[in-house]
Amino acid sequence: MPKVEFLGVGMARDKQLDAPNGGDLVDLCDQVLAPIPFSCRSASCGTCQVEVLAGMECFEEPNDEERELLELLDGPDNSRLACQARVKPGPGLIRLKPIGT
């Protein structure tokens, strides 16, 4: 089962959880009150852009909306939008941190 680790920023503590069935990253963030900011939750603002430090292979491919916004944001190649990314079921470790921290 994939383990998802959210690196804390500032005073926020690191959070982690097991995601045995995979799922929407936004829902996993909500489950543990992860230190990832959200605004629109619909791939139109980029607030939830995260850097994937490990485990990019544990995600499904980005959908068209996510891909388009990531191109506009011109972030690092290892970034995803937490509101759009889906974690695949299966083994693995994902390490994330908000962009700009």
PDB file of N, CA and C in Angstrom:
ATOM      1  N   MET A   1       0.837  -1.176   0.000  1.00  0.00           N
ATOM      2  CA  MET A   1       0.000   0.000   0.000  1.00  0.00           C
ATOM      3  C   MET A   1       0.877   1.233   0.000  1.00  0.00           C
ATOM      4  N   PRO A   2       0.507   2.263  -0.756  1.00  0.00           N
ATOM      5  CA  PRO A   2       1.351   3.458  -0.735  1.00  0.00           C
ATOM      6  C   PRO A   2       1.249   4.190   0.594  1.00  0.00           C
ATOM      7  N   LYS A   3       2.384   4.673   1.048  1.00  0.00           N
ATOM      8  CA  LYS A   3       2.434   5.542   2.212  1.00  0.00           C
ATOM      9  C   LYS A   3       2.657   6.945   1.660  1.00  0.00           C
ATOM     10  N   VAL A   4       1.886   7.917   2.167  1.00  0.00           N
ATOM     11  CA  VAL A   4       2.016   9.294   1.711  1.00  0.00           C
ATOM     12  C   VAL A   4       2.538  10.123   2.874  1.00  0.00           C
ATOM     13  N   GLU A   5       3.640  10.839   2.648  1.00  0.00           N
ATOM     14  CA  GLU A   5       4.232  11.713   3.663  1.00  0.00           C
ATOM     15  C   GLU A   5       4.145  13.155   3.177  1.00  0.00           C
ATOM     16  N   PHE A   6       3.602  14.007   4.023  1.00  0.00           N
ATOM     17  CA  PHE A   6       3.500  15.434   3.742  1.00  0.00           C
ATOM     18  C   PHE A   6       4.501  16.148   4.639  1.00  0.00           C
ATOM     19  N   LEU A   7       5.470  16.812   4.044  1.00  0.00           N
ATOM     20  CA  LEU A   7       6.479  17.515   4.835  1.00  0.00           C
ATOM     21  C   LEU A   7       5.906  18.830   5.325  1.00  0.00           C
ATOM     22  N   GLY A   8       6.028  19.062   6.621  1.00  0.00           N
ATOM     23  CA  GLY A   8       5.513  20.291   7.217  1.00  0.00           C
ATOM     24  C   GLY A   8       6.381  21.486   6.858  1.00  0.00           C
ATOM     25  N   VAL A   9       5.776  22.648   6.923  1.00  0.00           N
ATOM     26  CA  VAL A   9       6.500  23.894   6.667  1.00  0.00           C
ATOM     27  C   VAL A   9       6.279  24.820   7.852  1.00  0.00           C
ATOM     28  N   GLY A  10       7.307  25.576   8.194  1.00  0.00           N
ATOM     29  CA  GLY A  10       7.173  26.479   9.328  1.00  0.00           C
ATOM     30  C   GLY A  10       6.883  25.692  10.592  1.00  0.00           C
ATOM     31  N   MET A  11       5.814  26.041  11.252  1.00  0.00           N
ATOM     32  CA  MET A  11       5.420  25.385  12.498  1.00  0.00           C
ATOM     33  C   MET A  11       4.601  24.111  12.270  1.00  0.00           C
ATOM     34  N   ALA A  12       4.189  23.870  11.023  1.00  0.00           N
ATOM     35  CA  ALA A  12       3.376  22.681  10.730  1.00  0.00           C
ATOM     36  C   ALA A  12       4.227  21.422  10.864  1.00  0.00           C
ATOM     37  N   ARG A  13       3.639  20.403  11.433  1.00  0.00           N
ATOM     38  CA  ARG A  13       4.342  19.135  11.598  1.00  0.00           C
ATOM     39  C   ARG A  13       4.151  18.256  10.372  1.00  0.00           C
ATOM     40  N   ASP A  14       5.118  17.371  10.137  1.00  0.00           N
ATOM     41  CA  ASP A  14       4.980  16.392   9.065  1.00  0.00           C
ATOM     42  C   ASP A  14       3.767  15.521   9.358  1.00  0.00           C
ATOM     43  N   LYS A  15       3.101  15.095   8.314  1.00  0.00           N
ATOM     44  CA  LYS A  15       1.948  14.194   8.439  1.00  0.00           C
ATOM     45  C   LYS A  15       2.179  13.017   7.513  1.00  0.00           C
ATOM     46  N   GLN A  16       1.622  11.869   7.863  1.00  0.00           N
ATOM     47  CA  GLN A  16       1.703  10.712   6.982  1.00  0.00           C
ATOM     48  C   GLN A  16       0.502   9.818   7.163  1.00  0.00           C
ATOM     49  N   LEU A  17       0.200   9.061   6.133  1.00  0.00           N
ATOM     50  CA  LEU A  17      -0.874   8.094   6.207  1.00  0.00           C
ATOM     51  C   LEU A  17      -0.642   7.000   5.187  1.00  0.00           C
ATOM     52  N   ASP A  18      -1.284   5.876   5.412  1.00  0.00           N
ATOM     53  CA  ASP A  18      -1.296   4.774   4.458  1.00  0.00           C
ATOM     54  C   ASP A  18      -2.519   4.945   3.578  1.00  0.00           C
ATOM     55  N   ALA A  19      -2.353   4.676   2.305  1.00  0.00           N
ATOM     56  CA  ALA A  19      -3.445   4.784   1.344  1.00  0.00           C
ATOM     57  C   ALA A  19      -3.582   3.457   0.610  1.00  0.00           C
ATOM     58  N   PRO A  20      -4.107   2.420   1.283  1.00  0.00           N
ATOM     59  CA  PRO A  20      -4.110   1.085   0.699  1.00  0.00           C
ATOM     60  C   PRO A  20      -4.851   0.987  -0.626  1.00  0.00           C
ATOM     61  N   ASN A  21      -5.866   1.826  -0.818  1.00  0.00           N
ATOM     62  CA  ASN A  21      -6.637   1.761  -2.052  1.00  0.00           C
ATOM     63  C   ASN A  21      -6.325   2.907  -2.999  1.00  0.00           C
ATOM     64  N   GLY A  22      -5.275   3.670  -2.703  1.00  0.00           N
ATOM     65  CA  GLY A  22      -4.987   4.841  -3.507  1.00  0.00           C
ATOM     66  C   GLY A  22      -6.055   5.889  -3.261  1.00  0.00           C
ATOM     67  N   GLY A  23      -6.348   6.709  -4.243  1.00  0.00           N
ATOM     68  CA  GLY A  23      -7.415   7.690  -4.124  1.00  0.00           C
ATOM     69  C   GLY A  23      -6.981   9.088  -4.518  1.00  0.00           C
ATOM     70  N   ASP A  24      -7.919  10.012  -4.414  1.00  0.00           N
ATOM     71  CA  ASP A  24      -7.648  11.407  -4.733  1.00  0.00           C
ATOM     72  C   ASP A  24      -6.741  12.006  -3.671  1.00  0.00           C
ATOM     73  N   LEU A  25      -5.680  12.667  -4.106  1.00  0.00           N
ATOM     74  CA  LEU A  25      -4.732  13.256  -3.157  1.00  0.00           C
ATOM     75  C   LEU A  25      -5.411  14.294  -2.276  1.00  0.00           C
ATOM     76  N   VAL A  26      -6.344  15.045  -2.808  1.00  0.00           N
ATOM     77  CA  VAL A  26      -7.041  16.057  -2.014  1.00  0.00           C
ATOM     78  C   VAL A  26      -7.756  15.403  -0.825  1.00  0.00           C
ATOM     79  N   ASP A  27      -8.363  14.253  -1.029  1.00  0.00           N
ATOM     80  CA  ASP A  27      -9.060  13.560   0.056  1.00  0.00           C
ATOM     81  C   ASP A  27      -8.064  13.036   1.096  1.00  0.00           C
ATOM     82  N   LEU A  28      -6.920  12.547   0.633  1.00  0.00           N
ATOM     83  CA  LEU A  28      -5.890  12.070   1.559  1.00  0.00           C
ATOM     84  C   LEU A  28      -5.353  13.231   2.390  1.00  0.00           C
ATOM     85  N   CYS A  29      -5.165  14.394   1.766  1.00  0.00           N
ATOM     86  CA  CYS A  29      -4.730  15.588   2.500  1.00  0.00           C
ATOM     87  C   CYS A  29      -5.741  15.942   3.591  1.00  0.00           C
ATOM     88  N   ASP A  30      -7.008  15.914   3.229  1.00  0.00           N
ATOM     89  CA  ASP A  30      -8.060  16.254   4.189  1.00  0.00           C
ATOM     90  C   ASP A  30      -8.091  15.286   5.370  1.00  0.00           C
ATOM     91  N   GLN A  31      -7.822  14.010   5.114  1.00  0.00           N
ATOM     92  CA  GLN A  31      -7.877  12.997   6.178  1.00  0.00           C
ATOM     93  C   GLN A  31      -6.907  13.294   7.309  1.00  0.00           C
ATOM     94  N   VAL A  32      -5.749  13.846   6.985  1.00  0.00           N
ATOM     95  CA  VAL A  32      -4.727  14.082   8.022  1.00  0.00           C
ATOM     96  C   VAL A  32      -4.450  15.565   8.255  1.00  0.00           C
ATOM     97  N   LEU A  33      -5.286  16.416   7.683  1.00  0.00           N
ATOM     98  CA  LEU A  33      -5.073  17.872   7.789  1.00  0.00           C
ATOM     99  C   LEU A  33      -3.648  18.225   7.366  1.00  0.00           C
ATOM    100  N   ALA A  34      -3.276  17.736   6.198  1.00  0.00           N
ATOM    101  CA  ALA A  34      -1.927  17.942   5.664  1.00  0.00           C
ATOM    102  C   ALA A  34      -1.648  19.428   5.461  1.00  0.00           C
ATOM    103  N   PRO A  35      -0.390  19.831   5.601  1.00  0.00           N
ATOM    104  CA  PRO A  35      -0.021  21.244   5.461  1.00  0.00           C
ATOM    105  C   PRO A  35       0.075  21.685   3.998  1.00  0.00           C
ATOM    106  N   ILE A  36      -0.938  21.351   3.211  1.00  0.00           N
ATOM    107  CA  ILE A  36      -1.005  21.730   1.802  1.00  0.00           C
ATOM    108  C   ILE A  36      -2.154  22.730   1.657  1.00  0.00           C
ATOM    109  N   PRO A  37      -1.891  23.938   1.158  1.00  0.00           N
ATOM    110  CA  PRO A  37      -2.971  24.914   0.996  1.00  0.00           C
ATOM    111  C   PRO A  37      -3.861  24.574  -0.197  1.00  0.00           C
ATOM    112  N   PHE A  38      -5.142  24.839  -0.067  1.00  0.00           N
ATOM    113  CA  PHE A  38      -6.109  24.648  -1.149  1.00  0.00           C
ATOM    114  C   PHE A  38      -6.945  25.904  -1.284  1.00  0.00           C
ATOM    115  N   SER A  39      -7.435  26.150  -2.486  1.00  0.00           N
ATOM    116  CA  SER A  39      -8.363  27.252  -2.709  1.00  0.00           C
ATOM    117  C   SER A  39      -9.517  26.762  -3.576  1.00  0.00           C
ATOM    118  N   CYS A  40      -9.325  26.682  -4.894  1.00  0.00           N
ATOM    119  CA  CYS A  40     -10.429  26.348  -5.800  1.00  0.00           C
ATOM    120  C   CYS A  40     -10.786  24.864  -5.806  1.00  0.00           C
ATOM    121  N   ARG A  41      -9.814  24.009  -5.615  1.00  0.00           N
ATOM    122  CA  ARG A  41      -9.975  22.548  -5.682  1.00  0.00           C
ATOM    123  C   ARG A  41     -10.465  22.063  -7.050  1.00  0.00           C
ATOM    124  N   SER A  42     -10.207  22.854  -8.090  1.00  0.00           N
ATOM    125  CA  SER A  42     -10.683  22.477  -9.430  1.00  0.00           C
ATOM    126  C   SER A  42      -9.679  22.777 -10.538  1.00  0.00           C
ATOM    127  N   ALA A  43      -8.403  22.821 -10.225  1.00  0.00           N
ATOM    128  CA  ALA A  43      -7.330  23.044 -11.208  1.00  0.00           C
ATOM    129  C   ALA A  43      -7.457  24.374 -11.934  1.00  0.00           C
ATOM    130  N   SER A  44      -7.834  25.429 -11.203  1.00  0.00           N
ATOM    131  CA  SER A  44      -7.878  26.735 -11.858  1.00  0.00           C
ATOM    132  C   SER A  44      -7.015  27.787 -11.170  1.00  0.00           C
ATOM    133  N   CYS A  45      -6.405  27.465 -10.005  1.00  0.00           N
ATOM    134  CA  CYS A  45      -5.627  28.503  -9.312  1.00  0.00           C
ATOM    135  C   CYS A  45      -4.173  28.118  -9.046  1.00  0.00           C
ATOM    136  N   GLY A  46      -3.851  26.864  -8.847  1.00  0.00           N
ATOM    137  CA  GLY A  46      -2.479  26.441  -8.592  1.00  0.00           C
ATOM    138  C   GLY A  46      -2.033  26.540  -7.145  1.00  0.00           C
ATOM    139  N   THR A  47      -2.917  26.938  -6.246  1.00  0.00           N
ATOM    140  CA  THR A  47      -2.557  27.077  -4.829  1.00  0.00           C
ATOM    141  C   THR A  47      -2.014  25.778  -4.244  1.00  0.00           C
ATOM    142  N   CYS A  48      -2.533  24.645  -4.674  1.00  0.00           N
ATOM    143  CA  CYS A  48      -2.181  23.353  -4.085  1.00  0.00           C
ATOM    144  C   CYS A  48      -1.043  22.649  -4.814  1.00  0.00           C
ATOM    145  N   GLN A  49      -0.268  23.375  -5.593  1.00  0.00           N
ATOM    146  CA  GLN A  49       0.851  22.752  -6.301  1.00  0.00           C
ATOM    147  C   GLN A  49       1.857  22.215  -5.285  1.00  0.00           C
ATOM    148  N   VAL A  50       2.221  20.965  -5.450  1.00  0.00           N
ATOM    149  CA  VAL A  50       3.180  20.321  -4.549  1.00  0.00           C
ATOM    150  C   VAL A  50       4.360  19.794  -5.346  1.00  0.00           C
ATOM    151  N   GLU A  51       5.497  19.710  -4.664  1.00  0.00           N
ATOM    152  CA  GLU A  51       6.681  19.092  -5.241  1.00  0.00           C
ATOM    153  C   GLU A  51       6.719  17.649  -4.775  1.00  0.00           C
ATOM    154  N   VAL A  52       6.841  16.728  -5.713  1.00  0.00           N
ATOM    155  CA  VAL A  52       6.911  15.303  -5.402  1.00  0.00           C
ATOM    156  C   VAL A  52       8.388  14.956  -5.236  1.00  0.00           C
ATOM    157  N   LEU A  53       8.805  14.776  -3.991  1.00  0.00           N
ATOM    158  CA  LEU A  53      10.203  14.484  -3.682  1.00  0.00           C
ATOM    159  C   LEU A  53      10.533  13.015  -3.906  1.00  0.00           C
ATOM    160  N   ALA A  54       9.525  12.165  -3.800  1.00  0.00           N
ATOM    161  CA  ALA A  54       9.683  10.726  -4.043  1.00  0.00           C
ATOM    162  C   ALA A  54       8.326  10.154  -4.410  1.00  0.00           C
ATOM    163  N   GLY A  55       8.324   9.150  -5.273  1.00  0.00           N
ATOM    164  CA  GLY A  55       7.103   8.413  -5.553  1.00  0.00           C
ATOM    165  C   GLY A  55       6.256   8.903  -6.712  1.00  0.00           C
ATOM    166  N   MET A  56       6.821   9.638  -7.650  1.00  0.00           N
ATOM    167  CA  MET A  56       6.036  10.113  -8.792  1.00  0.00           C
ATOM    168  C   MET A  56       5.359   8.944  -9.518  1.00  0.00           C
ATOM    169  N   GLU A  57       6.015   7.785  -9.514  1.00  0.00           N
ATOM    170  CA  GLU A  57       5.458   6.607 -10.189  1.00  0.00           C
ATOM    171  C   GLU A  57       4.209   6.066  -9.496  1.00  0.00           C
ATOM    172  N   CYS A  58       3.922   6.533  -8.287  1.00  0.00           N
ATOM    173  CA  CYS A  58       2.751   6.078  -7.536  1.00  0.00           C
ATOM    174  C   CYS A  58       1.484   6.856  -7.906  1.00  0.00           C
ATOM    175  N   PHE A  59       1.621   7.831  -8.792  1.00  0.00           N
ATOM    176  CA  PHE A  59       0.478   8.633  -9.228  1.00  0.00           C
ATOM    177  C   PHE A  59      -0.007   8.186 -10.595  1.00  0.00           C
ATOM    178  N   GLU A  60      -1.303   8.360 -10.838  1.00  0.00           N
ATOM    179  CA  GLU A  60      -1.828   8.217 -12.191  1.00  0.00           C
ATOM    180  C   GLU A  60      -1.336   9.403 -13.009  1.00  0.00           C
ATOM    181  N   GLU A  61      -1.385   9.293 -14.324  1.00  0.00           N
ATOM    182  CA  GLU A  61      -0.978  10.392 -15.204  1.00  0.00           C
ATOM    183  C   GLU A  61      -1.887  11.602 -14.986  1.00  0.00           C
ATOM    184  N   PRO A  62      -1.359  12.819 -15.107  1.00  0.00           N
ATOM    185  CA  PRO A  62      -2.204  14.011 -14.945  1.00  0.00           C
ATOM    186  C   PRO A  62      -3.281  14.080 -16.027  1.00  0.00           C
ATOM    187  N   ASN A  63      -4.460  14.597 -15.641  1.00  0.00           N
ATOM    188  CA  ASN A  63      -5.507  14.820 -16.629  1.00  0.00           C
ATOM    189  C   ASN A  63      -5.182  16.092 -17.415  1.00  0.00           C
ATOM    190  N   ASP A  64      -5.969  16.382 -18.439  1.00  0.00           N
ATOM    191  CA  ASP A  64      -5.687  17.536 -19.303  1.00  0.00           C
ATOM    192  C   ASP A  64      -5.696  18.858 -18.539  1.00  0.00           C
ATOM    193  N   GLU A  65      -6.659  19.035 -17.628  1.00  0.00           N
ATOM    194  CA  GLU A  65      -6.755  20.283 -16.871  1.00  0.00           C
ATOM    195  C   GLU A  65      -5.517  20.496 -16.004  1.00  0.00           C
ATOM    196  N   GLU A  66      -5.091  19.441 -15.329  1.00  0.00           N
ATOM    197  CA  GLU A  66      -3.903  19.555 -14.479  1.00  0.00           C
ATOM    198  C   GLU A  66      -2.665  19.845 -15.326  1.00  0.00           C
ATOM    199  N   ARG A  67      -2.517  19.124 -16.413  1.00  0.00           N
ATOM    200  CA  ARG A  67      -1.349  19.303 -17.283  1.00  0.00           C
ATOM    201  C   ARG A  67      -1.273  20.745 -17.796  1.00  0.00           C
ATOM    202  N   GLU A  68      -2.409  21.296 -18.233  1.00  0.00           N
ATOM    203  CA  GLU A  68      -2.438  22.668 -18.759  1.00  0.00           C
ATOM    204  C   GLU A  68      -2.039  23.687 -17.695  1.00  0.00           C
ATOM    205  N   LEU A  69      -2.592  23.550 -16.478  1.00  0.00           N
ATOM    206  CA  LEU A  69      -2.262  24.518 -15.433  1.00  0.00           C
ATOM    207  C   LEU A  69      -0.805  24.379 -14.988  1.00  0.00           C
ATOM    208  N   LEU A  70      -0.305  23.165 -14.900  1.00  0.00           N
ATOM    209  CA  LEU A  70       1.100  22.978 -14.530  1.00  0.00           C
ATOM    210  C   LEU A  70       2.022  23.639 -15.556  1.00  0.00           C
ATOM    211  N   GLU A  71       1.665  23.559 -16.826  1.00  0.00           N
ATOM    212  CA  GLU A  71       2.465  24.229 -17.853  1.00  0.00           C
ATOM    213  C   GLU A  71       2.435  25.743 -17.662  1.00  0.00           C
ATOM    214  N   LEU A  72       1.256  26.303 -17.354  1.00  0.00           N
ATOM    215  CA  LEU A  72       1.137  27.747 -17.125  1.00  0.00           C
ATOM    216  C   LEU A  72       1.923  28.192 -15.897  1.00  0.00           C
ATOM    217  N   LEU A  73       1.927  27.367 -14.852  1.00  0.00           N
ATOM    218  CA  LEU A  73       2.619  27.713 -13.613  1.00  0.00           C
ATOM    219  C   LEU A  73       4.132  27.617 -13.757  1.00  0.00           C
ATOM    220  N   ASP A  74       4.584  26.861 -14.739  1.00  0.00           N
ATOM    221  CA  ASP A  74       6.007  26.715 -15.030  1.00  0.00           C
ATOM    222  C   ASP A  74       6.811  26.288 -13.799  1.00  0.00           C
ATOM    223  N   GLY A  75       6.245  25.362 -13.024  1.00  0.00           N
ATOM    224  CA  GLY A  75       6.928  24.846 -11.842  1.00  0.00           C
ATOM    225  C   GLY A  75       7.897  23.740 -12.216  1.00  0.00           C
ATOM    226  N   PRO A  76       8.486  23.116 -11.222  1.00  0.00           N
ATOM    227  CA  PRO A  76       9.429  22.022 -11.495  1.00  0.00           C
ATOM    228  C   PRO A  76       8.730  20.828 -12.152  1.00  0.00           C
ATOM    229  N   ASP A  77       9.511  20.040 -12.867  1.00  0.00           N
ATOM    230  CA  ASP A  77       8.959  18.872 -13.565  1.00  0.00           C
ATOM    231  C   ASP A  77       8.342  17.856 -12.617  1.00  0.00           C
ATOM    232  N   ASN A  78       8.765  17.878 -11.357  1.00  0.00           N
ATOM    233  CA  ASN A  78       8.263  16.904 -10.392  1.00  0.00           C
ATOM    234  C   ASN A  78       7.119  17.488  -9.548  1.00  0.00           C
ATOM    235  N   SER A  79       6.337  18.397 -10.140  1.00  0.00           N
ATOM    236  CA  SER A  79       5.215  18.967  -9.391  1.00  0.00           C
ATOM    237  C   SER A  79       3.884  18.401  -9.872  1.00  0.00           C
ATOM    238  N   ARG A  80       2.920  18.428  -8.982  1.00  0.00           N
ATOM    239  CA  ARG A  80       1.540  18.018  -9.270  1.00  0.00           C
ATOM    240  C   ARG A  80       0.601  18.969  -8.538  1.00  0.00           C
ATOM    241  N   LEU A  81      -0.663  18.959  -8.944  1.00  0.00           N
ATOM    242  CA  LEU A  81      -1.698  19.703  -8.219  1.00  0.00           C
ATOM    243  C   LEU A  81      -2.388  18.722  -7.281  1.00  0.00           C
ATOM    244  N   ALA A  82      -2.369  19.019  -6.000  1.00  0.00           N
ATOM    245  CA  ALA A  82      -2.955  18.097  -5.022  1.00  0.00           C
ATOM    246  C   ALA A  82      -4.458  17.941  -5.228  1.00  0.00           C
ATOM    247  N   CYS A  83      -5.104  18.934  -5.815  1.00  0.00           N
ATOM    248  CA  CYS A  83      -6.551  18.833  -6.035  1.00  0.00           C
ATOM    249  C   CYS A  83      -6.904  17.899  -7.188  1.00  0.00           C
ATOM    250  N   GLN A  84      -5.943  17.561  -8.036  1.00  0.00           N
ATOM    251  CA  GLN A  84      -6.212  16.744  -9.215  1.00  0.00           C
ATOM    252  C   GLN A  84      -5.504  15.391  -9.211  1.00  0.00           C
ATOM    253  N   ALA A  85      -4.398  15.277  -8.509  1.00  0.00           N
ATOM    254  CA  ALA A  85      -3.587  14.061  -8.555  1.00  0.00           C
ATOM    255  C   ALA A  85      -4.308  12.883  -7.909  1.00  0.00           C
ATOM    256  N   ARG A  86      -4.164  11.727  -8.539  1.00  0.00           N
ATOM    257  CA  ARG A  86      -4.731  10.487  -7.996  1.00  0.00           C
ATOM    258  C   ARG A  86      -3.598   9.508  -7.714  1.00  0.00           C
ATOM    259  N   VAL A  87      -3.638   8.955  -6.493  1.00  0.00           N
ATOM    260  CA  VAL A  87      -2.656   7.957  -6.077  1.00  0.00           C
ATOM    261  C   VAL A  87      -3.136   6.586  -6.533  1.00  0.00           C
ATOM    262  N   LYS A  88      -2.227   5.813  -7.141  1.00  0.00           N
ATOM    263  CA  LYS A  88      -2.560   4.452  -7.563  1.00  0.00           C
ATOM    264  C   LYS A  88      -2.551   3.531  -6.348  1.00  0.00           C
ATOM    265  N   PRO A  89      -3.390   2.502  -6.353  1.00  0.00           N
ATOM    266  CA  PRO A  89      -3.254   1.485  -5.305  1.00  0.00           C
ATOM    267  C   PRO A  89      -1.977   0.684  -5.539  1.00  0.00           C
ATOM    268  N   GLY A  90      -1.449   0.107  -4.489  1.00  0.00           N
ATOM    269  CA  GLY A  90      -0.241  -0.702  -4.610  1.00  0.00           C
ATOM    270  C   GLY A  90       0.849  -0.171  -3.697  1.00  0.00           C
ATOM    271  N   PRO A  91       2.012  -0.820  -3.721  1.00  0.00           N
ATOM    272  CA  PRO A  91       3.100  -0.423  -2.823  1.00  0.00           C
ATOM    273  C   PRO A  91       3.756   0.881  -3.275  1.00  0.00           C
ATOM    274  N   GLY A  92       4.419   1.530  -2.342  1.00  0.00           N
ATOM    275  CA  GLY A  92       5.197   2.711  -2.691  1.00  0.00           C
ATOM    276  C   GLY A  92       5.262   3.712  -1.564  1.00  0.00           C
ATOM    277  N   LEU A  93       6.087   4.727  -1.769  1.00  0.00           N
ATOM    278  CA  LEU A  93       6.238   5.817  -0.820  1.00  0.00           C
ATOM    279  C   LEU A  93       6.197   7.121  -1.601  1.00  0.00           C
ATOM    280  N   ILE A  94       5.328   8.019  -1.177  1.00  0.00           N
ATOM    281  CA  ILE A  94       5.208   9.338  -1.789  1.00  0.00           C
ATOM    282  C   ILE A  94       5.600  10.363  -0.740  1.00  0.00           C
ATOM    283  N   ARG A  95       6.522  11.262  -1.104  1.00  0.00           N
ATOM    284  CA  ARG A  95       6.920  12.366  -0.212  1.00  0.00           C
ATOM    285  C   ARG A  95       6.611  13.664  -0.937  1.00  0.00           C
ATOM    286  N   LEU A  96       5.863  14.544  -0.264  1.00  0.00           N
ATOM    287  CA  LEU A  96       5.403  15.792  -0.869  1.00  0.00           C
ATOM    288  C   LEU A  96       5.711  16.982   0.005  1.00  0.00           C
ATOM    289  N   LYS A  97       5.889  18.142  -0.642  1.00  0.00           N
ATOM    290  CA  LYS A  97       5.950  19.396   0.092  1.00  0.00           C
ATOM    291  C   LYS A  97       5.332  20.471  -0.793  1.00  0.00           C
ATOM    292  N   PRO A  98       4.724  21.490  -0.184  1.00  0.00           N
ATOM    293  CA  PRO A  98       4.160  22.577  -0.980  1.00  0.00           C
ATOM    294  C   PRO A  98       5.257  23.279  -1.777  1.00  0.00           C
ATOM    295  N   ILE A  99       4.929  23.741  -2.958  1.00  0.00           N
ATOM    296  CA  ILE A  99       5.888  24.491  -3.786  1.00  0.00           C
ATOM    297  C   ILE A  99       6.216  25.809  -3.083  1.00  0.00           C
ATOM    298  N   GLY A 100       7.477  26.190  -3.161  1.00  0.00           N
ATOM    299  CA  GLY A 100       7.892  27.462  -2.594  1.00  0.00           C
ATOM    300  C   GLY A 100       8.302  27.394  -1.138  1.00  0.00           C
ATOM    301  N   THR A 101       8.459  26.184  -0.595  1.00  0.00           N
ATOM    302  CA  THR A 101       8.870  26.068   0.816  1.00  0.00           C
ATOM    303  C   THR A 101      10.237  25.429   0.908  1.00  0.00           C
TER     304      THR A 101
END
